[in-house]
Amino acid sequence: MSKRTYQPSKQKRATTHGFLVRSASTSGAKVIQARRRKGRAQLTVKKAQ
């Protein structure tokens, strides 16, 4: 049997979808801007602990 698709890791999640990664690119900054405009409580995923 093969493993399931989603193998959660907080570190991987943060380095892929985190605030710093989003801020680094133009399109990522647009994502943050759009989420701010919409009034999201959480702009990106929480940081890895």
PDB file of N, CA and C in Angstrom:
ATOM      1  N   MET A   1       0.837  -1.200   0.000  1.00  0.00           N
ATOM      2  CA  MET A   1       0.000   0.000   0.000  1.00  0.00           C
ATOM      3  C   MET A   1       0.880   1.261   0.000  1.00  0.00           C
ATOM      4  N   SER A   2       0.482   2.211  -0.798  1.00  0.00           N
ATOM      5  CA  SER A   2       1.198   3.488  -0.792  1.00  0.00           C
ATOM      6  C   SER A   2       0.627   4.397   0.289  1.00  0.00           C
ATOM      7  N   LYS A   3       1.426   5.398   0.665  1.00  0.00           N
ATOM      8  CA  LYS A   3       0.984   6.321   1.708  1.00  0.00           C
ATOM      9  C   LYS A   3      -0.094   7.255   1.178  1.00  0.00           C
ATOM     10  N   ARG A   4      -0.802   7.882   2.103  1.00  0.00           N
ATOM     11  CA  ARG A   4      -1.818   8.865   1.721  1.00  0.00           C
ATOM     12  C   ARG A   4      -1.122  10.109   1.157  1.00  0.00           C
ATOM     13  N   THR A   5      -1.859  10.945   0.475  1.00  0.00           N
ATOM     14  CA  THR A   5      -1.296  12.120  -0.186  1.00  0.00           C
ATOM     15  C   THR A   5      -0.779  13.152   0.809  1.00  0.00           C
ATOM     16  N   TYR A   6      -1.558  13.453   1.836  1.00  0.00           N
ATOM     17  CA  TYR A   6      -1.212  14.531   2.757  1.00  0.00           C
ATOM     18  C   TYR A   6      -0.473  14.006   3.972  1.00  0.00           C
ATOM     19  N   GLN A   7       0.808  14.378   4.071  1.00  0.00           N
ATOM     20  CA  GLN A   7       1.641  14.016   5.223  1.00  0.00           C
ATOM     21  C   GLN A   7       2.016  15.313   5.939  1.00  0.00           C
ATOM     22  N   PRO A   8       1.235  15.751   6.923  1.00  0.00           N
ATOM     23  CA  PRO A   8       1.398  17.079   7.512  1.00  0.00           C
ATOM     24  C   PRO A   8       2.764  17.325   8.162  1.00  0.00           C
ATOM     25  N   SER A   9       3.272  18.529   7.966  1.00  0.00           N
ATOM     26  CA  SER A   9       4.491  18.991   8.611  1.00  0.00           C
ATOM     27  C   SER A   9       4.382  20.505   8.764  1.00  0.00           C
ATOM     28  N   LYS A  10       4.422  20.998   9.989  1.00  0.00           N
ATOM     29  CA  LYS A  10       4.286  22.434  10.235  1.00  0.00           C
ATOM     30  C   LYS A  10       5.417  23.220   9.600  1.00  0.00           C
ATOM     31  N   GLN A  11       6.620  22.674   9.635  1.00  0.00           N
ATOM     32  CA  GLN A  11       7.785  23.347   9.051  1.00  0.00           C
ATOM     33  C   GLN A  11       7.633  23.497   7.538  1.00  0.00           C
ATOM     34  N   LYS A  12       7.282  22.428   6.884  1.00  0.00           N
ATOM     35  CA  LYS A  12       7.088  22.430   5.428  1.00  0.00           C
ATOM     36  C   LYS A  12       5.970  23.402   5.039  1.00  0.00           C
ATOM     37  N   ARG A  13       4.896  23.399   5.810  1.00  0.00           N
ATOM     38  CA  ARG A  13       3.749  24.269   5.568  1.00  0.00           C
ATOM     39  C   ARG A  13       4.151  25.742   5.637  1.00  0.00           C
ATOM     40  N   ALA A  14       4.957  26.082   6.668  1.00  0.00           N
ATOM     41  CA  ALA A  14       5.393  27.466   6.852  1.00  0.00           C
ATOM     42  C   ALA A  14       6.362  27.910   5.759  1.00  0.00           C
ATOM     43  N   THR A  15       7.284  27.024   5.382  1.00  0.00           N
ATOM     44  CA  THR A  15       8.278  27.397   4.367  1.00  0.00           C
ATOM     45  C   THR A  15       7.684  27.465   2.969  1.00  0.00           C
ATOM     46  N   THR A  16       6.548  26.831   2.772  1.00  0.00           N
ATOM     47  CA  THR A  16       5.897  26.854   1.466  1.00  0.00           C
ATOM     48  C   THR A  16       4.841  27.948   1.368  1.00  0.00           C
ATOM     49  N   HIS A  17       4.058  28.143   2.437  1.00  0.00           N
ATOM     50  CA  HIS A  17       2.918  29.061   2.395  1.00  0.00           C
ATOM     51  C   HIS A  17       2.997  30.184   3.419  1.00  0.00           C
ATOM     52  N   GLY A  18       4.135  30.329   4.083  1.00  0.00           N
ATOM     53  CA  GLY A  18       4.272  31.318   5.157  1.00  0.00           C
ATOM     54  C   GLY A  18       4.311  32.759   4.683  1.00  0.00           C
ATOM     55  N   PHE A  19       4.277  33.670   5.637  1.00  0.00           N
ATOM     56  CA  PHE A  19       4.234  35.112   5.365  1.00  0.00           C
ATOM     57  C   PHE A  19       5.471  35.595   4.612  1.00  0.00           C
ATOM     58  N   LEU A  20       6.647  35.151   5.029  1.00  0.00           N
ATOM     59  CA  LEU A  20       7.895  35.586   4.396  1.00  0.00           C
ATOM     60  C   LEU A  20       7.986  35.125   2.946  1.00  0.00           C
ATOM     61  N   VAL A  21       7.509  33.932   2.678  1.00  0.00           N
ATOM     62  CA  VAL A  21       7.512  33.397   1.317  1.00  0.00           C
ATOM     63  C   VAL A  21       6.540  34.178   0.451  1.00  0.00           C
ATOM     64  N   ARG A  22       5.359  34.468   0.982  1.00  0.00           N
ATOM     65  CA  ARG A  22       4.361  35.251   0.253  1.00  0.00           C
ATOM     66  C   ARG A  22       4.894  36.654  -0.053  1.00  0.00           C
ATOM     67  N   SER A  23       5.529  37.268   0.938  1.00  0.00           N
ATOM     68  CA  SER A  23       6.044  38.628   0.784  1.00  0.00           C
ATOM     69  C   SER A  23       7.165  38.717  -0.242  1.00  0.00           C
ATOM     70  N   ALA A  24       7.893  37.647  -0.427  1.00  0.00           N
ATOM     71  CA  ALA A  24       9.069  37.647  -1.301  1.00  0.00           C
ATOM     72  C   ALA A  24       8.735  37.851  -2.780  1.00  0.00           C
ATOM     73  N   SER A  25       7.584  37.371  -3.231  1.00  0.00           N
ATOM     74  CA  SER A  25       7.233  37.490  -4.642  1.00  0.00           C
ATOM     75  C   SER A  25       6.118  38.520  -4.854  1.00  0.00           C
ATOM     76  N   THR A  26       6.016  39.006  -6.061  1.00  0.00           N
ATOM     77  CA  THR A  26       4.987  39.998  -6.408  1.00  0.00           C
ATOM     78  C   THR A  26       3.590  39.403  -6.294  1.00  0.00           C
ATOM     79  N   SER A  27       3.438  38.191  -6.822  1.00  0.00           N
ATOM     80  CA  SER A  27       2.126  37.540  -6.786  1.00  0.00           C
ATOM     81  C   SER A  27       1.724  37.182  -5.356  1.00  0.00           C
ATOM     82  N   GLY A  28       2.719  36.797  -4.550  1.00  0.00           N
ATOM     83  CA  GLY A  28       2.457  36.480  -3.144  1.00  0.00           C
ATOM     84  C   GLY A  28       2.012  37.707  -2.365  1.00  0.00           C
ATOM     85  N   ALA A  29       2.641  38.843  -2.674  1.00  0.00           N
ATOM     86  CA  ALA A  29       2.264  40.115  -2.034  1.00  0.00           C
ATOM     87  C   ALA A  29       0.833  40.482  -2.403  1.00  0.00           C
ATOM     88  N   LYS A  30       0.449  40.163  -3.631  1.00  0.00           N
ATOM     89  CA  LYS A  30      -0.927  40.419  -4.070  1.00  0.00           C
ATOM     90  C   LYS A  30      -1.917  39.563  -3.302  1.00  0.00           C
ATOM     91  N   VAL A  31      -1.507  38.343  -2.973  1.00  0.00           N
ATOM     92  CA  VAL A  31      -2.353  37.431  -2.190  1.00  0.00           C
ATOM     93  C   VAL A  31      -2.601  38.034  -0.809  1.00  0.00           C
ATOM     94  N   ILE A  32      -1.530  38.496  -0.165  1.00  0.00           N
ATOM     95  CA  ILE A  32      -1.642  39.111   1.167  1.00  0.00           C
ATOM     96  C   ILE A  32      -2.507  40.360   1.105  1.00  0.00           C
ATOM     97  N   GLN A  33      -2.281  41.169   0.072  1.00  0.00           N
ATOM     98  CA  GLN A  33      -3.054  42.403  -0.123  1.00  0.00           C
ATOM     99  C   GLN A  33      -4.545  42.094  -0.267  1.00  0.00           C
ATOM    100  N   ALA A  34      -4.864  41.077  -1.058  1.00  0.00           N
ATOM    101  CA  ALA A  34      -6.258  40.682  -1.286  1.00  0.00           C
ATOM    102  C   ALA A  34      -6.905  40.177  -0.004  1.00  0.00           C
ATOM    103  N   ARG A  35      -6.145  39.442   0.799  1.00  0.00           N
ATOM    104  CA  ARG A  35      -6.671  38.901   2.055  1.00  0.00           C
ATOM    105  C   ARG A  35      -6.888  40.014   3.079  1.00  0.00           C
ATOM    106  N   ARG A  36      -5.988  41.021   3.062  1.00  0.00           N
ATOM    107  CA  ARG A  36      -6.169  42.200   3.929  1.00  0.00           C
ATOM    108  C   ARG A  36      -7.442  42.951   3.532  1.00  0.00           C
ATOM    109  N   ARG A  37      -7.612  43.140   2.223  1.00  0.00           N
ATOM    110  CA  ARG A  37      -8.776  43.845   1.700  1.00  0.00           C
ATOM    111  C   ARG A  37     -10.072  43.153   2.087  1.00  0.00           C
ATOM    112  N   LYS A  38     -10.052  41.848   2.061  1.00  0.00           N
ATOM    113  CA  LYS A  38     -11.236  41.064   2.402  1.00  0.00           C
ATOM    114  C   LYS A  38     -11.500  41.050   3.909  1.00  0.00           C
ATOM    115  N   GLY A  39     -10.442  41.345   4.690  1.00  0.00           N
ATOM    116  CA  GLY A  39     -10.604  41.401   6.141  1.00  0.00           C
ATOM    117  C   GLY A  39     -10.369  40.074   6.831  1.00  0.00           C
ATOM    118  N   ARG A  40      -9.501  39.273   6.250  1.00  0.00           N
ATOM    119  CA  ARG A  40      -9.184  37.967   6.842  1.00  0.00           C
ATOM    120  C   ARG A  40      -8.513  38.145   8.200  1.00  0.00           C
ATOM    121  N   ALA A  41      -8.898  37.327   9.166  1.00  0.00           N
ATOM    122  CA  ALA A  41      -8.279  37.358  10.486  1.00  0.00           C
ATOM    123  C   ALA A  41      -6.860  36.804  10.410  1.00  0.00           C
ATOM    124  N   GLN A  42      -6.665  35.837   9.527  1.00  0.00           N
ATOM    125  CA  GLN A  42      -5.365  35.182   9.371  1.00  0.00           C
ATOM    126  C   GLN A  42      -4.913  35.332   7.920  1.00  0.00           C
ATOM    127  N   LEU A  43      -3.823  36.084   7.715  1.00  0.00           N
ATOM    128  CA  LEU A  43      -3.363  36.353   6.353  1.00  0.00           C
ATOM    129  C   LEU A  43      -2.671  35.149   5.727  1.00  0.00           C
ATOM    130  N   THR A  44      -1.829  34.472   6.517  1.00  0.00           N
ATOM    131  CA  THR A  44      -1.136  33.279   6.039  1.00  0.00           C
ATOM    132  C   THR A  44      -1.199  32.212   7.121  1.00  0.00           C
ATOM    133  N   VAL A  45      -0.590  31.063   6.852  1.00  0.00           N
ATOM    134  CA  VAL A  45      -0.572  29.992   7.838  1.00  0.00           C
ATOM    135  C   VAL A  45       0.228  30.406   9.066  1.00  0.00           C
ATOM    136  N   LYS A  46      -0.068  29.807  10.191  1.00  0.00           N
ATOM    137  CA  LYS A  46       0.660  30.122  11.411  1.00  0.00           C
ATOM    138  C   LYS A  46       2.078  29.613  11.327  1.00  0.00           C
ATOM    139  N   LYS A  47       2.971  30.292  12.042  1.00  0.00           N
ATOM    140  CA  LYS A  47       4.390  29.891  11.987  1.00  0.00           C
ATOM    141  C   LYS A  47       4.618  28.532  12.632  1.00  0.00           C
ATOM    142  N   ALA A  48       5.645  27.850  12.172  1.00  0.00           N
ATOM    143  CA  ALA A  48       5.996  26.537  12.720  1.00  0.00           C
ATOM    144  C   ALA A  48       6.541  26.689  14.118  1.00  0.00           C
ATOM    145  N   GLN A  49       6.202  25.754  14.982  1.00  0.00           N
ATOM    146  CA  GLN A  49       6.645  25.831  16.377  1.00  0.00           C
ATOM    147  C   GLN A  49       7.663  24.774  16.679  1.00  0.00           C
TER     148      GLN A  49
END
